[in-house]
Amino acid sequence: MSARPLSHCLRARCVPRRAQNIQGFSTRSNLRGDHYDPPTGYLFGLKPGQKYVKEGWENMWYYGFIGSLLVAGVAYVFKPDTSYVQSLSLV
């Protein structure tokens, strides 16, 4: 194995690199074409007097979220006291 000459290593640092993509995760403006829905002026897209129809996952999410908050609250209330001050008062 031959070692690289020092001039090659120094030259590799000085070689100008290509400009990187500046946009990153930004979207292109031409994506709005047919997918853009203009505002209708109605709250949540419902006309006045129209009844909202729930989707199938909504009730399960509500009960699961509120139930997990209740379980976490009960677990927090009944957790053991592990503070140092409490253990000194027992002595």
N, C-alpha and C. Protein backbone atom coordinates (compact mmCIF):
# COMPACT_ATOMS: atom_id res chain seq x y z
N MET A 1 0.84 -1.19 0.00
CA MET A 1 0.00 0.00 0.00
C MET A 1 0.88 1.24 0.00
N SER A 2 0.58 2.11 -0.87
CA SER A 2 1.34 3.35 -0.92
C SER A 2 0.54 4.45 -0.22
N ALA A 3 1.23 5.28 0.47
CA ALA A 3 0.58 6.40 1.16
C ALA A 3 0.34 7.53 0.18
N ARG A 4 -0.71 8.26 0.37
CA ARG A 4 -0.99 9.40 -0.50
C ARG A 4 0.04 10.49 -0.26
N PRO A 5 0.41 11.16 -1.32
CA PRO A 5 1.33 12.27 -1.11
C PRO A 5 0.63 13.41 -0.38
N LEU A 6 1.42 14.17 0.33
CA LEU A 6 0.89 15.27 1.12
C LEU A 6 0.18 16.31 0.25
N SER A 7 0.67 16.54 -0.95
CA SER A 7 0.06 17.52 -1.84
C SER A 7 -1.36 17.11 -2.23
N HIS A 8 -1.58 15.81 -2.37
CA HIS A 8 -2.93 15.34 -2.72
C HIS A 8 -3.91 15.61 -1.57
N CYS A 9 -3.48 15.40 -0.33
CA CYS A 9 -4.34 15.64 0.83
C CYS A 9 -4.68 17.12 0.97
N LEU A 10 -3.68 17.98 0.76
CA LEU A 10 -3.93 19.41 0.86
C LEU A 10 -4.82 19.91 -0.28
N ARG A 11 -4.63 19.35 -1.47
CA ARG A 11 -5.43 19.76 -2.61
C ARG A 11 -6.90 19.36 -2.42
N ALA A 12 -7.15 18.25 -1.76
CA ALA A 12 -8.52 17.79 -1.55
C ALA A 12 -9.29 18.77 -0.67
N ARG A 13 -8.59 19.44 0.24
CA ARG A 13 -9.27 20.41 1.10
C ARG A 13 -9.59 21.70 0.36
N CYS A 14 -8.79 22.05 -0.62
CA CYS A 14 -8.96 23.33 -1.31
C CYS A 14 -9.86 23.25 -2.52
N VAL A 15 -10.27 22.07 -2.94
CA VAL A 15 -11.11 21.92 -4.13
C VAL A 15 -12.49 22.48 -3.82
N PRO A 16 -12.97 23.39 -4.64
CA PRO A 16 -14.31 23.93 -4.38
C PRO A 16 -15.37 22.84 -4.57
N ARG A 17 -16.32 22.83 -3.68
CA ARG A 17 -17.38 21.83 -3.76
C ARG A 17 -18.61 22.44 -4.40
N ARG A 18 -19.44 21.56 -4.92
CA ARG A 18 -20.68 22.03 -5.53
C ARG A 18 -21.62 22.60 -4.47
N ALA A 19 -22.41 23.57 -4.86
CA ALA A 19 -23.36 24.17 -3.93
C ALA A 19 -24.41 23.13 -3.53
N GLN A 20 -24.75 23.10 -2.26
CA GLN A 20 -25.73 22.14 -1.79
C GLN A 20 -27.13 22.70 -1.98
N ASN A 21 -28.10 21.83 -1.91
CA ASN A 21 -29.48 22.23 -2.07
C ASN A 21 -29.88 23.14 -0.91
N ILE A 22 -30.24 24.36 -1.19
CA ILE A 22 -30.56 25.33 -0.15
C ILE A 22 -31.99 25.14 0.36
N GLN A 23 -32.86 24.62 -0.47
CA GLN A 23 -34.27 24.53 -0.11
C GLN A 23 -34.53 23.54 1.02
N GLY A 24 -33.81 22.46 1.08
CA GLY A 24 -34.01 21.48 2.14
C GLY A 24 -35.36 20.81 2.04
N PHE A 25 -36.17 20.94 3.07
CA PHE A 25 -37.48 20.29 3.10
C PHE A 25 -38.60 21.19 2.61
N SER A 26 -38.29 22.34 2.09
CA SER A 26 -39.35 23.24 1.64
C SER A 26 -40.04 22.66 0.41
N THR A 27 -41.29 22.98 0.25
CA THR A 27 -42.05 22.47 -0.88
C THR A 27 -41.94 23.41 -2.06
N ARG A 28 -42.17 22.86 -3.20
CA ARG A 28 -42.13 23.67 -4.41
C ARG A 28 -43.48 24.33 -4.62
N SER A 29 -43.47 25.49 -5.23
CA SER A 29 -44.71 26.24 -5.39
C SER A 29 -45.63 25.60 -6.43
N ASN A 30 -45.09 24.79 -7.33
CA ASN A 30 -45.94 24.21 -8.37
C ASN A 30 -46.73 23.01 -7.85
N LEU A 31 -46.57 22.61 -6.61
CA LEU A 31 -47.34 21.50 -6.07
C LEU A 31 -48.78 21.90 -5.72
N ARG A 32 -49.04 23.19 -5.62
CA ARG A 32 -50.39 23.64 -5.24
C ARG A 32 -51.40 23.50 -6.36
N GLY A 33 -50.98 23.27 -7.55
CA GLY A 33 -51.82 23.22 -8.74
C GLY A 33 -53.26 22.79 -8.51
N ASP A 34 -53.54 21.49 -8.59
CA ASP A 34 -54.91 20.99 -8.49
C ASP A 34 -55.28 20.62 -7.06
N HIS A 35 -54.34 20.59 -6.15
CA HIS A 35 -54.61 20.12 -4.79
C HIS A 35 -55.02 21.24 -3.84
N TYR A 36 -54.99 22.45 -4.26
CA TYR A 36 -55.29 23.57 -3.38
C TYR A 36 -56.79 23.80 -3.34
N ASP A 37 -57.39 23.74 -2.15
CA ASP A 37 -58.81 24.03 -1.98
C ASP A 37 -58.96 25.46 -1.50
N PRO A 38 -59.63 26.30 -2.25
CA PRO A 38 -59.79 27.68 -1.81
C PRO A 38 -60.69 27.74 -0.58
N PRO A 39 -60.50 28.73 0.28
CA PRO A 39 -61.34 28.83 1.48
C PRO A 39 -62.79 29.08 1.13
N THR A 40 -63.69 28.43 1.90
CA THR A 40 -65.12 28.57 1.64
C THR A 40 -65.76 29.60 2.55
N GLY A 41 -65.10 29.96 3.65
CA GLY A 41 -65.67 30.91 4.59
C GLY A 41 -66.47 30.25 5.69
N TYR A 42 -66.62 28.92 5.63
CA TYR A 42 -67.37 28.20 6.66
C TYR A 42 -66.39 27.60 7.68
N LEU A 43 -66.80 27.56 8.95
CA LEU A 43 -65.97 26.99 10.00
C LEU A 43 -65.87 25.49 9.81
N PHE A 44 -64.66 24.96 9.71
CA PHE A 44 -64.36 23.55 9.48
C PHE A 44 -65.00 23.03 8.20
N GLY A 45 -65.34 23.89 7.28
CA GLY A 45 -65.90 23.47 6.01
C GLY A 45 -67.35 23.03 6.07
N LEU A 46 -68.05 23.28 7.18
CA LEU A 46 -69.45 22.89 7.31
C LEU A 46 -70.34 24.10 7.13
N LYS A 47 -71.35 23.95 6.30
CA LYS A 47 -72.30 25.04 6.11
C LYS A 47 -73.18 25.17 7.33
N PRO A 48 -73.71 26.34 7.62
CA PRO A 48 -74.59 26.51 8.78
C PRO A 48 -75.81 25.58 8.68
N GLY A 49 -76.10 24.90 9.79
CA GLY A 49 -77.23 23.97 9.83
C GLY A 49 -76.86 22.56 9.45
N GLN A 50 -75.67 22.32 8.92
CA GLN A 50 -75.26 20.98 8.52
C GLN A 50 -74.68 20.26 9.73
N LYS A 51 -75.10 19.00 9.97
CA LYS A 51 -74.64 18.24 11.13
C LYS A 51 -73.31 17.57 10.82
N TYR A 52 -72.39 17.64 11.80
CA TYR A 52 -71.09 17.01 11.65
C TYR A 52 -71.22 15.51 11.84
N VAL A 53 -70.62 14.74 10.95
CA VAL A 53 -70.64 13.28 11.04
C VAL A 53 -69.26 12.83 11.51
N LYS A 54 -69.23 12.13 12.66
CA LYS A 54 -67.95 11.68 13.20
C LYS A 54 -67.39 10.54 12.35
N GLU A 55 -66.07 10.48 12.31
CA GLU A 55 -65.42 9.38 11.64
C GLU A 55 -65.27 8.23 12.62
N GLY A 56 -64.95 7.04 12.13
CA GLY A 56 -64.92 5.85 12.96
C GLY A 56 -63.85 5.84 14.03
N TRP A 57 -62.74 6.51 13.83
CA TRP A 57 -61.64 6.47 14.78
C TRP A 57 -61.80 7.49 15.90
N GLU A 58 -62.69 8.44 15.79
CA GLU A 58 -62.73 9.56 16.74
C GLU A 58 -63.14 9.13 18.15
N ASN A 59 -64.19 8.33 18.30
CA ASN A 59 -64.62 7.90 19.63
C ASN A 59 -63.53 7.08 20.32
N MET A 60 -62.89 6.19 19.58
CA MET A 60 -61.84 5.36 20.16
C MET A 60 -60.68 6.24 20.63
N TRP A 61 -60.34 7.28 19.89
CA TRP A 61 -59.24 8.17 20.28
C TRP A 61 -59.62 8.96 21.52
N TYR A 62 -60.83 9.49 21.57
CA TYR A 62 -61.26 10.27 22.73
C TYR A 62 -61.24 9.43 24.01
N TYR A 63 -61.86 8.24 23.95
CA TYR A 63 -61.90 7.38 25.14
C TYR A 63 -60.51 6.91 25.53
N GLY A 64 -59.67 6.60 24.57
CA GLY A 64 -58.31 6.16 24.86
C GLY A 64 -57.47 7.26 25.47
N PHE A 65 -57.59 8.47 24.96
CA PHE A 65 -56.80 9.59 25.47
C PHE A 65 -57.23 9.97 26.87
N ILE A 66 -58.53 10.13 27.08
CA ILE A 66 -59.03 10.52 28.39
C ILE A 66 -58.80 9.39 29.40
N GLY A 67 -58.97 8.14 28.98
CA GLY A 67 -58.72 7.00 29.87
C GLY A 67 -57.26 6.92 30.29
N SER A 68 -56.35 7.19 29.35
CA SER A 68 -54.93 7.13 29.71
C SER A 68 -54.57 8.27 30.67
N LEU A 69 -55.20 9.43 30.52
CA LEU A 69 -54.97 10.52 31.47
C LEU A 69 -55.47 10.15 32.87
N LEU A 70 -56.62 9.50 32.95
CA LEU A 70 -57.14 9.07 34.25
C LEU A 70 -56.24 8.02 34.89
N VAL A 71 -55.79 7.06 34.12
CA VAL A 71 -54.90 6.02 34.65
C VAL A 71 -53.60 6.64 35.13
N ALA A 72 -53.04 7.58 34.37
CA ALA A 72 -51.80 8.24 34.77
C ALA A 72 -52.02 9.06 36.05
N GLY A 73 -53.17 9.71 36.18
CA GLY A 73 -53.46 10.48 37.39
C GLY A 73 -53.58 9.60 38.61
N VAL A 74 -54.24 8.47 38.48
CA VAL A 74 -54.37 7.55 39.62
C VAL A 74 -53.01 6.98 39.98
N ALA A 75 -52.22 6.62 38.99
CA ALA A 75 -50.88 6.09 39.25
C ALA A 75 -50.01 7.13 39.94
N TYR A 76 -50.14 8.39 39.57
CA TYR A 76 -49.35 9.46 40.19
C TYR A 76 -49.76 9.69 41.64
N VAL A 77 -51.07 9.62 41.91
CA VAL A 77 -51.55 9.84 43.27
C VAL A 77 -51.08 8.72 44.21
N PHE A 78 -51.07 7.49 43.74
CA PHE A 78 -50.74 6.36 44.59
C PHE A 78 -49.30 5.90 44.47
N LYS A 79 -48.42 6.67 43.87
CA LYS A 79 -47.02 6.26 43.75
C LYS A 79 -46.36 6.32 45.13
N PRO A 80 -45.37 5.48 45.37
CA PRO A 80 -44.71 5.50 46.68
C PRO A 80 -43.85 6.76 46.84
N ASP A 81 -43.76 7.21 48.09
CA ASP A 81 -42.96 8.39 48.40
C ASP A 81 -41.51 7.95 48.59
N THR A 82 -40.63 8.42 47.74
CA THR A 82 -39.23 8.01 47.80
C THR A 82 -38.32 9.19 48.14
N SER A 83 -38.87 10.24 48.69
CA SER A 83 -38.04 11.41 48.99
C SER A 83 -37.15 11.13 50.18
N TYR A 84 -36.04 11.81 50.25
CA TYR A 84 -35.06 11.63 51.32
C TYR A 84 -35.59 12.18 52.64
N VAL A 85 -36.35 13.27 52.57
CA VAL A 85 -36.87 13.89 53.79
C VAL A 85 -37.86 12.96 54.47
N GLN A 86 -38.67 12.28 53.73
CA GLN A 86 -39.65 11.37 54.29
C GLN A 86 -38.94 10.21 54.99
N SER A 87 -37.86 9.71 54.42
CA SER A 87 -37.18 8.57 55.03
C SER A 87 -36.47 8.96 56.33
N LEU A 88 -36.06 10.23 56.49
CA LEU A 88 -35.45 10.67 57.73
C LEU A 88 -36.46 10.78 58.86
N SER A 89 -37.69 11.13 58.56
CA SER A 89 -38.69 11.28 59.62
C SER A 89 -39.15 9.93 60.16
N LEU A 90 -38.90 8.86 59.45
CA LEU A 90 -39.30 7.54 59.91
C LEU A 90 -38.34 7.01 60.95
N VAL A 91 -37.15 7.54 61.05
CA VAL A 91 -36.12 7.03 61.96
C VAL A 91 -36.36 7.48 63.37
